[in-house]
């Protein structure tokens, strides 16, 4: 029987991008009423740079956390740990899962420490490591991307993200230790190259989506080299 009829280890690498509004493509000046198009969001940039040997799946959702429920009833299902297993099984088999979460966890209303946010990321890593695999498929690789540091003094950020600059800055080292020393997964810190919108303070603009896509593309090539 022709093995190519099965969706297993084909030549095309399937990559899931799991994140929040900065993966979804929130336009900073729009208060969530506009979204960058698929070619300008960083997963779309990633797809263009990697080409037909890769299939990029976007799973961005505004206000998504690592593993915590949003206290606002109008924003259900934002707990990333609750929805990730469903997403993983939906798109199985996956060669790589890229997780960029932690910004929403840093909101003042969430009242979470850096340690708690990092444990949320650890739980997501565990979910991927323990995902159901298909016959003749290899173990899914994991890449943790540190989110852009919030500028809490900016207009939009100042209303929701008190003390988030310190927390999101601390995630750079905390996620690195988690990924490289504790969980043995891949890690990328893009904060030397990307910044959030100066006026809004939380989301990245079109230019920074492009830069992030380029950085992730280089890392993906390293992972599969």
C-alpha atoms as a PDB file:
ATOM      1  CA  UNK A   1       0.000   0.000   0.000  1.00  0.00           C
ATOM      2  CA  UNK A   2       1.251   3.478  -0.880  1.00  0.00           C
ATOM      3  CA  UNK A   3       2.395   5.069   2.381  1.00  0.00           C
ATOM      4  CA  UNK A   4       1.816   8.564   0.944  1.00  0.00           C
ATOM      5  CA  UNK A   5      -1.940   8.156   1.389  1.00  0.00           C
ATOM      6  CA  UNK A   6      -1.441   8.459   5.150  1.00  0.00           C
ATOM      7  CA  UNK A   7      -0.949  11.827   6.871  1.00  0.00           C
ATOM      8  CA  UNK A   8       2.214  10.877   8.731  1.00  0.00           C
ATOM      9  CA  UNK A   9       5.821  11.914   8.200  1.00  0.00           C
ATOM     10  CA  UNK A  10       5.563  13.511   4.761  1.00  0.00           C
ATOM     11  CA  UNK A  11       8.246  15.787   3.384  1.00  0.00           C
ATOM     12  CA  UNK A  12       6.155  18.829   4.328  1.00  0.00           C
ATOM     13  CA  UNK A  13       6.751  19.969   7.907  1.00  0.00           C
ATOM     14  CA  UNK A  14       3.581  21.060   9.725  1.00  0.00           C
ATOM     15  CA  UNK A  15       4.011  23.842  12.280  1.00  0.00           C
ATOM     16  CA  UNK A  16       1.393  25.108  14.725  1.00  0.00           C
ATOM     17  CA  UNK A  17       1.675  28.717  15.953  1.00  0.00           C
ATOM     18  CA  UNK A  18      -0.200  28.956  19.259  1.00  0.00           C
ATOM     19  CA  UNK A  19      -0.540  32.427  20.740  1.00  0.00           C
ATOM     20  CA  UNK A  20      -2.631  35.412  21.727  1.00  0.00           C
ATOM     21  CA  UNK A  21      -3.582  38.668  19.979  1.00  0.00           C
ATOM     22  CA  UNK A  22      -0.007  39.232  18.826  1.00  0.00           C
ATOM     23  CA  UNK A  23      -0.325  36.004  16.852  1.00  0.00           C
ATOM     24  CA  UNK A  24      -3.910  36.785  15.817  1.00  0.00           C
ATOM     25  CA  UNK A  25      -2.740  40.076  14.283  1.00  0.00           C
ATOM     26  CA  UNK A  26      -4.316  42.829  16.414  1.00  0.00           C
ATOM     27  CA  UNK A  27      -3.604  46.242  14.853  1.00  0.00           C
ATOM     28  CA  UNK A  28      -2.336  48.446  17.736  1.00  0.00           C
ATOM     29  CA  UNK A  29      -4.222  51.612  16.798  1.00  0.00           C
ATOM     30  CA  UNK A  30      -7.559  49.853  16.307  1.00  0.00           C
ATOM     31  CA  UNK A  31      -8.478  48.654  19.815  1.00  0.00           C
ATOM     32  CA  UNK A  32      -9.086  45.235  18.312  1.00  0.00           C
ATOM     33  CA  UNK A  33     -11.374  46.375  15.491  1.00  0.00           C
ATOM     34  CA  UNK A  34      -8.763  45.676  12.798  1.00  0.00           C
ATOM     35  CA  UNK A  35      -6.571  42.682  12.052  1.00  0.00           C
ATOM     36  CA  UNK A  36      -3.467  42.480   9.887  1.00  0.00           C
ATOM     37  CA  UNK A  37      -4.065  40.284   6.859  1.00  0.00           C
ATOM     38  CA  UNK A  38      -2.660  36.778   6.709  1.00  0.00           C
ATOM     39  CA  UNK A  39       0.376  37.786   4.662  1.00  0.00           C
ATOM     40  CA  UNK A  40       1.402  40.445   7.188  1.00  0.00           C
ATOM     41  CA  UNK A  41       0.881  38.507  10.419  1.00  0.00           C
ATOM     42  CA  UNK A  42       4.075  36.865  11.624  1.00  0.00           C
ATOM     43  CA  UNK A  43       2.857  33.295  10.920  1.00  0.00           C
ATOM     44  CA  UNK A  44       2.094  34.418   7.361  1.00  0.00           C
ATOM     45  CA  UNK A  45       5.560  35.925   7.042  1.00  0.00           C
ATOM     46  CA  UNK A  46       6.921  32.644   8.371  1.00  0.00           C
ATOM     47  CA  UNK A  47       5.005  30.690   5.721  1.00  0.00           C
ATOM     48  CA  UNK A  48       6.302  32.893   2.915  1.00  0.00           C
ATOM     49  CA  UNK A  49       9.915  32.611   4.065  1.00  0.00           C
ATOM     50  CA  UNK A  50       9.860  28.849   4.628  1.00  0.00           C
ATOM     51  CA  UNK A  51       8.024  28.036   1.423  1.00  0.00           C
ATOM     52  CA  UNK A  52       6.135  24.974   0.280  1.00  0.00           C
ATOM     53  CA  UNK A  53       8.209  22.552   2.342  1.00  0.00           C
ATOM     54  CA  UNK A  54       6.324  23.821   5.396  1.00  0.00           C
ATOM     55  CA  UNK A  55       2.664  24.192   6.337  1.00  0.00           C
ATOM     56  CA  UNK A  56       1.993  26.902   8.919  1.00  0.00           C
ATOM     57  CA  UNK A  57      -1.170  26.689  11.040  1.00  0.00           C
ATOM     58  CA  UNK A  58      -2.274  29.864  12.837  1.00  0.00           C
ATOM     59  CA  UNK A  59      -3.954  29.541  16.231  1.00  0.00           C
ATOM     60  CA  UNK A  60      -3.956  33.051  17.680  1.00  0.00           C
ATOM     61  CA  UNK A  61      -6.677  34.293  20.032  1.00  0.00           C
ATOM     62  CA  UNK A  62      -6.915  37.636  21.789  1.00  0.00           C
ATOM     63  CA  UNK A  63      -6.579  37.500  25.613  1.00  0.00           C
ATOM     64  CA  UNK A  64      -5.394  33.884  25.585  1.00  0.00           C
ATOM     65  CA  UNK A  65      -3.393  32.969  28.694  1.00  0.00           C
ATOM     66  CA  UNK A  66      -1.081  30.054  29.419  1.00  0.00           C
ATOM     67  CA  UNK A  67      -3.371  28.180  31.820  1.00  0.00           C
ATOM     68  CA  UNK A  68      -5.565  30.700  33.596  1.00  0.00           C
ATOM     69  CA  UNK A  69      -9.229  31.641  33.140  1.00  0.00           C
ATOM     70  CA  UNK A  70     -10.011  35.235  32.247  1.00  0.00           C
ATOM     71  CA  UNK A  71     -12.231  36.698  35.005  1.00  0.00           C
ATOM     72  CA  UNK A  72     -14.419  38.490  32.447  1.00  0.00           C
ATOM     73  CA  UNK A  73     -17.436  36.371  31.406  1.00  0.00           C
ATOM     74  CA  UNK A  74     -17.491  37.974  27.972  1.00  0.00           C
ATOM     75  CA  UNK A  75     -14.112  36.360  27.213  1.00  0.00           C
ATOM     76  CA  UNK A  76     -14.607  32.586  27.612  1.00  0.00           C
ATOM     77  CA  UNK A  77     -12.192  29.851  26.575  1.00  0.00           C
ATOM     78  CA  UNK A  78      -9.089  32.023  26.943  1.00  0.00           C
ATOM     79  CA  UNK A  79      -7.349  29.395  29.091  1.00  0.00           C
ATOM     80  CA  UNK A  80      -4.670  28.129  26.727  1.00  0.00           C
ATOM     81  CA  UNK A  81      -4.146  24.870  28.551  1.00  0.00           C
ATOM     82  CA  UNK A  82      -7.823  23.933  28.255  1.00  0.00           C
ATOM     83  CA  UNK A  83      -7.973  24.479  24.506  1.00  0.00           C
ATOM     84  CA  UNK A  84      -4.489  23.325  23.463  1.00  0.00           C
ATOM     85  CA  UNK A  85      -5.207  19.556  23.587  1.00  0.00           C
ATOM     86  CA  UNK A  86      -8.174  20.061  21.246  1.00  0.00           C
ATOM     87  CA  UNK A  87      -6.055  22.114  18.845  1.00  0.00           C
ATOM     88  CA  UNK A  88      -3.251  19.557  18.927  1.00  0.00           C
ATOM     89  CA  UNK A  89      -5.540  16.670  18.100  1.00  0.00           C
ATOM     90  CA  UNK A  90      -7.294  18.685  15.395  1.00  0.00           C
ATOM     91  CA  UNK A  91      -4.050  19.297  13.505  1.00  0.00           C
ATOM     92  CA  UNK A  92      -2.212  16.073  14.332  1.00  0.00           C
ATOM     93  CA  UNK A  93       0.409  15.118  13.157  1.00  0.00           C
ATOM     94  CA  UNK A  94       2.571  18.140  13.967  1.00  0.00           C
ATOM     95  CA  UNK A  95       6.311  18.450  13.481  1.00  0.00           C
ATOM     96  CA  UNK A  96       6.671  21.601  15.577  1.00  0.00           C
ATOM     97  CA  UNK A  97       4.532  23.596  17.998  1.00  0.00           C
ATOM     98  CA  UNK A  98       5.498  27.233  18.536  1.00  0.00           C
ATOM     99  CA  UNK A  99       4.064  28.782  21.700  1.00  0.00           C
ATOM    100  CA  UNK A 100       4.145  32.534  22.293  1.00  0.00           C
ATOM    101  CA  UNK A 101       2.076  33.294  25.387  1.00  0.00           C
ATOM    102  CA  UNK A 102       2.448  35.189  28.651  1.00  0.00           C
ATOM    103  CA  UNK A 103       1.392  38.740  27.794  1.00  0.00           C
ATOM    104  CA  UNK A 104      -2.204  38.323  28.935  1.00  0.00           C
ATOM    105  CA  UNK A 105      -1.027  36.563  32.111  1.00  0.00           C
ATOM    106  CA  UNK A 106       0.814  39.774  33.020  1.00  0.00           C
ATOM    107  CA  UNK A 107      -2.388  41.841  33.198  1.00  0.00           C
ATOM    108  CA  UNK A 108      -3.020  43.427  36.597  1.00  0.00           C
ATOM    109  CA  UNK A 109      -6.422  41.714  36.901  1.00  0.00           C
ATOM    110  CA  UNK A 110      -4.795  38.278  36.608  1.00  0.00           C
ATOM    111  CA  UNK A 111      -2.615  38.941  39.692  1.00  0.00           C
ATOM    112  CA  UNK A 112       0.024  36.390  38.669  1.00  0.00           C
ATOM    113  CA  UNK A 113       3.709  36.213  39.489  1.00  0.00           C
ATOM    114  CA  UNK A 114       6.460  35.465  36.966  1.00  0.00           C
ATOM    115  CA  UNK A 115       6.815  32.038  38.568  1.00  0.00           C
ATOM    116  CA  UNK A 116       3.109  31.317  38.072  1.00  0.00           C
ATOM    117  CA  UNK A 117       3.207  32.462  34.456  1.00  0.00           C
ATOM    118  CA  UNK A 118       6.249  30.286  33.834  1.00  0.00           C
ATOM    119  CA  UNK A 119       4.469  27.313  35.368  1.00  0.00           C
ATOM    120  CA  UNK A 120       1.651  27.989  32.932  1.00  0.00           C
ATOM    121  CA  UNK A 121       4.122  27.712  30.074  1.00  0.00           C
ATOM    122  CA  UNK A 122       5.495  24.517  31.603  1.00  0.00           C
ATOM    123  CA  UNK A 123       1.980  23.052  31.598  1.00  0.00           C
ATOM    124  CA  UNK A 124       1.621  23.871  27.888  1.00  0.00           C
ATOM    125  CA  UNK A 125       4.942  22.194  27.138  1.00  0.00           C
ATOM    126  CA  UNK A 126       3.760  19.124  29.027  1.00  0.00           C
ATOM    127  CA  UNK A 127       0.538  19.052  27.016  1.00  0.00           C
ATOM    128  CA  UNK A 128       2.509  18.956  23.778  1.00  0.00           C
ATOM    129  CA  UNK A 129       4.915  16.330  25.063  1.00  0.00           C
ATOM    130  CA  UNK A 130       1.988  14.139  26.112  1.00  0.00           C
ATOM    131  CA  UNK A 131      -0.131  14.665  23.006  1.00  0.00           C
ATOM    132  CA  UNK A 132      -1.590  11.693  21.197  1.00  0.00           C
ATOM    133  CA  UNK A 133       0.699  10.691  18.336  1.00  0.00           C
ATOM    134  CA  UNK A 134      -0.213   8.860  15.174  1.00  0.00           C
ATOM    135  CA  UNK A 135       1.389   5.664  13.963  1.00  0.00           C
ATOM    136  CA  UNK A 136       4.773   6.181  12.311  1.00  0.00           C
ATOM    137  CA  UNK A 137       5.040   9.820  13.347  1.00  0.00           C
ATOM    138  CA  UNK A 138       7.960  11.371  15.193  1.00  0.00           C
ATOM    139  CA  UNK A 139       7.832  13.264  18.481  1.00  0.00           C
ATOM    140  CA  UNK A 140       6.588  16.826  18.076  1.00  0.00           C
ATOM    141  CA  UNK A 141       9.259  19.467  18.632  1.00  0.00           C
ATOM    142  CA  UNK A 142       8.502  22.542  20.749  1.00  0.00           C
ATOM    143  CA  UNK A 143       9.688  26.146  20.384  1.00  0.00           C
ATOM    144  CA  UNK A 144       8.982  28.709  23.105  1.00  0.00           C
ATOM    145  CA  UNK A 145       8.989  32.321  21.905  1.00  0.00           C
ATOM    146  CA  UNK A 146       9.166  35.031  24.564  1.00  0.00           C
ATOM    147  CA  UNK A 147       6.443  37.645  23.968  1.00  0.00           C
ATOM    148  CA  UNK A 148       7.316  41.280  23.339  1.00  0.00           C
ATOM    149  CA  UNK A 149       7.916  43.260  26.532  1.00  0.00           C
ATOM    150  CA  UNK A 150       4.901  45.386  27.465  1.00  0.00           C
ATOM    151  CA  UNK A 151       5.327  49.155  27.863  1.00  0.00           C
ATOM    152  CA  UNK A 152       2.964  49.747  30.756  1.00  0.00           C
ATOM    153  CA  UNK A 153       3.208  53.542  30.611  1.00  0.00           C
ATOM    154  CA  UNK A 154       1.687  53.643  27.132  1.00  0.00           C
ATOM    155  CA  UNK A 155      -1.935  54.688  26.728  1.00  0.00           C
ATOM    156  CA  UNK A 156      -3.700  51.336  26.260  1.00  0.00           C
ATOM    157  CA  UNK A 157      -1.298  49.346  28.423  1.00  0.00           C
ATOM    158  CA  UNK A 158      -1.618  51.718  31.374  1.00  0.00           C
ATOM    159  CA  UNK A 159      -5.267  50.740  31.802  1.00  0.00           C
ATOM    160  CA  UNK A 160      -4.696  46.982  32.132  1.00  0.00           C
ATOM    161  CA  UNK A 161      -1.023  46.181  32.525  1.00  0.00           C
ATOM    162  CA  UNK A 162       0.287  47.757  35.727  1.00  0.00           C
ATOM    163  CA  UNK A 163       3.690  46.171  36.598  1.00  0.00           C
ATOM    164  CA  UNK A 164       3.601  44.201  33.337  1.00  0.00           C
ATOM    165  CA  UNK A 165       6.837  45.715  32.022  1.00  0.00           C
ATOM    166  CA  UNK A 166       8.783  44.156  34.883  1.00  0.00           C
ATOM    167  CA  UNK A 167       6.951  40.841  34.571  1.00  0.00           C
ATOM    168  CA  UNK A 168       7.300  40.455  30.820  1.00  0.00           C
ATOM    169  CA  UNK A 169      10.969  41.454  31.029  1.00  0.00           C
ATOM    170  CA  UNK A 170      11.530  38.795  33.679  1.00  0.00           C
ATOM    171  CA  UNK A 171       9.949  36.179  31.402  1.00  0.00           C
ATOM    172  CA  UNK A 172      12.977  36.450  29.106  1.00  0.00           C
ATOM    173  CA  UNK A 173      15.252  34.685  31.590  1.00  0.00           C
ATOM    174  CA  UNK A 174      12.520  32.633  33.237  1.00  0.00           C
ATOM    175  CA  UNK A 175      11.374  31.082  29.946  1.00  0.00           C
ATOM    176  CA  UNK A 176      14.992  30.505  28.896  1.00  0.00           C
ATOM    177  CA  UNK A 177      15.706  28.508  32.049  1.00  0.00           C
ATOM    178  CA  UNK A 178      12.461  26.598  31.640  1.00  0.00           C
ATOM    179  CA  UNK A 179      13.103  25.748  28.000  1.00  0.00           C
ATOM    180  CA  UNK A 180      16.809  25.042  27.906  1.00  0.00           C
ATOM    181  CA  UNK A 181      17.643  23.783  31.396  1.00  0.00           C
ATOM    182  CA  UNK A 182      14.440  22.175  32.642  1.00  0.00           C
ATOM    183  CA  UNK A 183      12.268  21.021  29.725  1.00  0.00           C
ATOM    184  CA  UNK A 184      14.829  20.577  26.905  1.00  0.00           C
ATOM    185  CA  UNK A 185      12.817  22.427  24.270  1.00  0.00           C
ATOM    186  CA  UNK A 186      13.804  25.168  21.828  1.00  0.00           C
ATOM    187  CA  UNK A 187      13.781  28.824  22.868  1.00  0.00           C
ATOM    188  CA  UNK A 188      13.740  32.176  21.094  1.00  0.00           C
ATOM    189  CA  UNK A 189      13.889  35.656  22.598  1.00  0.00           C
ATOM    190  CA  UNK A 190      13.062  38.222  19.881  1.00  0.00           C
ATOM    191  CA  UNK A 191      13.121  41.252  22.179  1.00  0.00           C
ATOM    192  CA  UNK A 192      16.441  42.568  20.901  1.00  0.00           C
ATOM    193  CA  UNK A 193      14.768  43.034  17.514  1.00  0.00           C
ATOM    194  CA  UNK A 194      11.051  43.641  18.093  1.00  0.00           C
ATOM    195  CA  UNK A 195       9.154  46.149  20.212  1.00  0.00           C
ATOM    196  CA  UNK A 196       5.507  46.847  20.972  1.00  0.00           C
ATOM    197  CA  UNK A 197       3.775  49.913  19.584  1.00  0.00           C
ATOM    198  CA  UNK A 198       5.050  53.014  21.413  1.00  0.00           C
ATOM    199  CA  UNK A 199       1.620  54.611  21.852  1.00  0.00           C
ATOM    200  CA  UNK A 200      -0.417  51.495  22.644  1.00  0.00           C
ATOM    201  CA  UNK A 201       2.197  49.481  24.538  1.00  0.00           C
ATOM    202  CA  UNK A 202       1.012  45.880  24.113  1.00  0.00           C
ATOM    203  CA  UNK A 203       0.806  44.851  20.464  1.00  0.00           C
ATOM    204  CA  UNK A 204       3.369  44.729  17.679  1.00  0.00           C
ATOM    205  CA  UNK A 205       2.847  46.605  14.425  1.00  0.00           C
ATOM    206  CA  UNK A 206       3.181  45.421  10.848  1.00  0.00           C
ATOM    207  CA  UNK A 207       6.931  46.101  10.719  1.00  0.00           C
ATOM    208  CA  UNK A 208       7.549  44.103  13.887  1.00  0.00           C
ATOM    209  CA  UNK A 209       5.345  41.234  12.677  1.00  0.00           C
ATOM    210  CA  UNK A 210       7.668  40.991   9.696  1.00  0.00           C
ATOM    211  CA  UNK A 211      10.792  41.037  11.856  1.00  0.00           C
ATOM    212  CA  UNK A 212       9.338  38.414  14.199  1.00  0.00           C
ATOM    213  CA  UNK A 213       8.439  36.189  11.260  1.00  0.00           C
ATOM    214  CA  UNK A 214      12.005  36.467   9.986  1.00  0.00           C
ATOM    215  CA  UNK A 215      13.494  35.566  13.364  1.00  0.00           C
ATOM    216  CA  UNK A 216      11.197  32.581  13.796  1.00  0.00           C
ATOM    217  CA  UNK A 217      11.945  31.409  10.245  1.00  0.00           C
ATOM    218  CA  UNK A 218      15.675  31.419  10.964  1.00  0.00           C
ATOM    219  CA  UNK A 219      15.089  29.453  14.167  1.00  0.00           C
ATOM    220  CA  UNK A 220      12.859  26.913  12.423  1.00  0.00           C
ATOM    221  CA  UNK A 221      15.529  26.331   9.789  1.00  0.00           C
ATOM    222  CA  UNK A 222      18.038  25.672  12.575  1.00  0.00           C
ATOM    223  CA  UNK A 223      15.676  23.254  14.277  1.00  0.00           C
ATOM    224  CA  UNK A 224      15.163  21.177  11.131  1.00  0.00           C
ATOM    225  CA  UNK A 225      18.675  21.497   9.727  1.00  0.00           C
END
